[in-house]
Protein backbone atom coordinates (compact mmCIF):
# COMPACT_ATOMS: atom_id res chain seq x y z
CA MET A 1 -15.53 89.88 -77.60
CA ALA A 2 -15.48 91.97 -80.73
CA LYS A 3 -15.97 90.04 -84.11
CA LYS A 4 -12.86 90.45 -86.25
CA GLN A 5 -12.95 90.89 -89.98
CA HIS A 6 -12.07 87.44 -91.87
CA GLY A 7 -10.88 88.67 -94.94
CA GLY A 8 -9.57 85.59 -96.87
CA THR A 9 -9.98 83.18 -93.80
CA GLY A 10 -13.31 81.69 -94.99
CA THR A 11 -13.56 77.98 -93.91
CA PRO A 12 -16.49 75.91 -93.03
CA ALA A 13 -16.12 76.88 -89.24
CA THR A 14 -15.96 80.43 -89.70
CA THR A 15 -18.81 80.28 -92.37
CA ALA A 16 -20.82 78.62 -89.77
CA LEU A 17 -19.97 81.22 -86.98
CA ASP A 18 -20.84 84.03 -89.45
CA GLY A 19 -24.13 82.39 -90.56
CA ALA A 20 -25.21 82.04 -86.67
CA LYS A 21 -24.15 85.57 -85.97
CA VAL A 22 -22.20 84.60 -83.17
CA PRO A 23 -19.60 86.84 -81.91
CA TYR A 24 -15.66 85.30 -82.20
CA SER A 25 -12.43 86.35 -83.08
CA VAL A 26 -9.85 84.94 -85.66
CA HIS A 27 -6.14 83.98 -84.52
CA ALA A 28 -3.71 83.28 -87.47
CA TYR A 29 -0.59 81.85 -86.96
CA ASP A 30 2.17 80.56 -89.07
CA HIS A 31 1.67 76.71 -88.89
CA ASP A 32 5.03 74.67 -89.02
CA PRO A 33 4.65 71.82 -91.26
CA THR A 34 7.08 69.60 -89.15
CA SER A 35 5.06 70.02 -85.93
CA THR A 36 3.51 66.73 -84.62
CA SER A 37 1.34 68.17 -82.04
CA TYR A 38 -1.05 70.74 -83.84
CA GLY A 39 -2.88 72.00 -80.57
CA LEU A 40 0.13 72.47 -78.45
CA GLU A 41 1.75 74.47 -81.32
CA ALA A 42 -1.32 76.79 -81.54
CA ALA A 43 -1.17 77.63 -78.01
CA GLU A 44 2.76 78.41 -78.18
CA ALA A 45 2.40 80.34 -81.22
CA LEU A 46 -0.70 82.26 -80.16
CA GLY A 47 0.92 82.84 -76.89
CA ARG A 48 -2.15 81.37 -74.83
CA PRO A 49 -2.26 79.12 -71.79
CA VAL A 50 -2.88 75.46 -72.87
CA GLU A 51 -5.91 75.48 -70.60
CA GLU A 52 -7.82 77.88 -73.15
CA VAL A 53 -6.77 76.19 -76.20
CA PHE A 54 -9.00 72.81 -77.28
CA LYS A 55 -8.48 70.00 -79.72
CA THR A 56 -10.97 68.20 -81.63
CA LEU A 57 -10.80 64.66 -82.04
CA LEU A 58 -13.19 62.22 -83.62
CA VAL A 59 -13.67 58.63 -82.39
CA ASP A 60 -15.74 55.74 -83.74
CA THR A 61 -18.46 54.44 -81.77
CA GLY A 62 -18.83 51.39 -83.86
CA THR A 63 -22.37 52.91 -85.07
CA GLY A 64 -20.92 56.05 -86.57
CA LEU A 65 -18.40 59.08 -85.49
CA ALA A 66 -18.59 61.29 -82.62
CA VAL A 67 -16.57 64.13 -81.44
CA GLY A 68 -14.76 65.18 -78.32
CA VAL A 69 -13.13 68.68 -77.45
CA VAL A 70 -10.30 68.50 -74.96
CA PRO A 71 -7.78 70.91 -73.88
CA VAL A 72 -4.62 70.65 -75.85
CA HIS A 73 -2.06 69.72 -73.11
CA LEU A 74 -4.40 66.62 -72.11
CA GLN A 75 -5.58 63.30 -73.62
CA LEU A 76 -8.99 62.05 -74.54
CA ASP A 77 -10.50 59.75 -71.96
CA LEU A 78 -12.19 56.96 -74.18
CA LYS A 79 -14.04 55.41 -71.29
CA ALA A 80 -15.45 58.96 -70.14
CA LEU A 81 -16.23 60.04 -73.70
CA ALA A 82 -18.16 56.53 -74.16
CA THR A 83 -19.81 56.88 -70.81
CA ALA A 84 -20.89 60.57 -71.93
CA LEU A 85 -22.13 59.42 -75.35
CA GLY A 86 -24.00 56.38 -73.63
CA VAL A 87 -21.80 53.81 -75.70
CA LYS A 88 -19.96 50.80 -74.35
CA ARG A 89 -16.69 51.16 -76.05
CA LEU A 90 -14.98 53.31 -79.02
CA THR A 91 -11.78 53.85 -80.46
CA MET A 92 -10.01 56.64 -82.26
CA ALA A 93 -11.16 57.49 -85.83
CA THR A 94 -8.61 56.95 -88.42
CA PRO A 95 -7.06 59.98 -89.71
CA ALA A 96 -8.64 59.31 -93.07
CA ALA A 97 -11.91 58.53 -91.66
CA ALA A 98 -11.86 62.09 -89.77
CA GLU A 99 -10.99 64.07 -92.49
CA ARG A 100 -13.46 62.45 -95.00
CA SER A 101 -16.11 63.20 -92.41
CA SER A 102 -15.41 66.74 -91.20
CA GLY A 103 -13.91 67.85 -94.77
CA MET A 104 -10.82 69.17 -92.91
CA VAL A 105 -7.38 67.87 -92.49
CA VAL A 106 -5.91 66.37 -89.68
CA GLY A 107 -4.58 69.24 -87.36
CA GLY A 108 -7.19 71.61 -88.87
CA ILE A 109 -10.24 69.86 -87.76
CA SER A 110 -12.93 72.01 -86.17
CA PRO A 111 -15.84 71.05 -84.03
CA LEU A 112 -17.88 73.69 -86.25
CA GLY A 113 -18.53 73.65 -89.82
CA GLN A 114 -18.10 69.87 -90.38
CA ARG A 115 -19.83 68.14 -93.27
CA LYS A 116 -22.02 66.17 -91.01
CA ALA A 117 -23.51 67.04 -87.49
CA LEU A 118 -22.21 64.60 -85.13
CA PRO A 119 -22.68 63.80 -81.37
CA THR A 120 -20.53 66.27 -79.80
CA VAL A 121 -18.99 66.12 -76.17
CA LEU A 122 -16.87 69.26 -74.84
CA ASP A 123 -14.79 68.77 -72.04
CA ALA A 124 -16.25 70.16 -68.74
CA SER A 125 -13.06 72.17 -67.87
CA MET A 126 -14.56 74.73 -70.68
CA GLN A 127 -17.42 75.65 -68.67
CA GLY A 128 -17.00 78.94 -66.96
CA ARG A 129 -14.30 80.31 -69.26
CA PRO A 130 -15.36 83.54 -70.80
CA THR A 131 -13.86 82.22 -73.93
CA VAL A 132 -11.99 79.27 -75.72
CA LEU A 133 -9.95 78.59 -78.63
CA VAL A 134 -10.63 76.07 -80.91
CA SER A 135 -9.60 75.19 -84.56
CA GLY A 136 -10.82 77.32 -87.01
CA GLY A 137 -10.89 74.96 -90.01
CA ARG A 138 -7.32 74.68 -91.03
CA ARG A 139 -3.96 74.18 -89.56
CA GLY A 140 -2.95 77.76 -88.47
CA LEU A 141 -6.09 79.31 -87.87
CA ASP A 142 -8.04 79.28 -84.47
CA VAL A 143 -11.33 80.80 -83.48
CA GLU A 144 -12.02 82.29 -80.10
CA LEU A 145 -15.76 82.14 -78.92
CA SER A 146 -17.85 81.44 -75.70
CA PRO A 147 -17.96 78.01 -74.73
CA ASP A 148 -21.93 78.29 -74.48
CA ASP A 149 -21.97 79.51 -78.17
CA LEU A 150 -19.70 76.72 -79.07
CA ALA A 151 -21.99 73.86 -77.32
CA ARG A 152 -25.25 75.67 -79.01
CA LEU A 153 -23.69 75.53 -82.33
CA THR A 154 -22.43 71.89 -82.13
CA ARG A 155 -25.53 70.69 -79.94
CA ALA A 156 -22.90 69.47 -77.62
CA THR A 157 -22.91 68.17 -73.76
CA PHE A 158 -20.21 69.20 -71.32
CA ALA A 159 -18.44 66.18 -69.44
CA PRO A 160 -15.34 65.43 -67.82
CA ILE A 161 -13.46 63.73 -70.65
CA ALA A 162 -9.90 64.49 -70.57
CA ARG A 163 -7.21 62.99 -68.43
């Protein structure tokens, strides 16, 4: 995959990708401020199958936050993510906590370039795909990269965490 020029799209996520010299491409679209399903909006606007576009969700483990990345058309299975993280239970992080921790706004939170490295689990459905799309760090911007590069950069593990 050829790396595209990113003029003006510098976000913490694209900065992290550039710094790691990872090949990726940027996909921008006009975000509809009335949209409530940011991930599905991205898939539709970019004309991509929902199985290729992933959303980033932050959870509270009771001792800190963690990240789960799942296909936009599915839900995060909290029990499966808790098992993958080795904790008894977890809850969804509040939007304010997710934004404060990541430095990004809800609907634009990327697994890449967060203020603090958090334990991260990628849904197993990502494996075997040549590329996936995740948020590029703001609403209306996705980045496409290989799942292996995403896992390496976020120090993530793969597990079946979507339902």
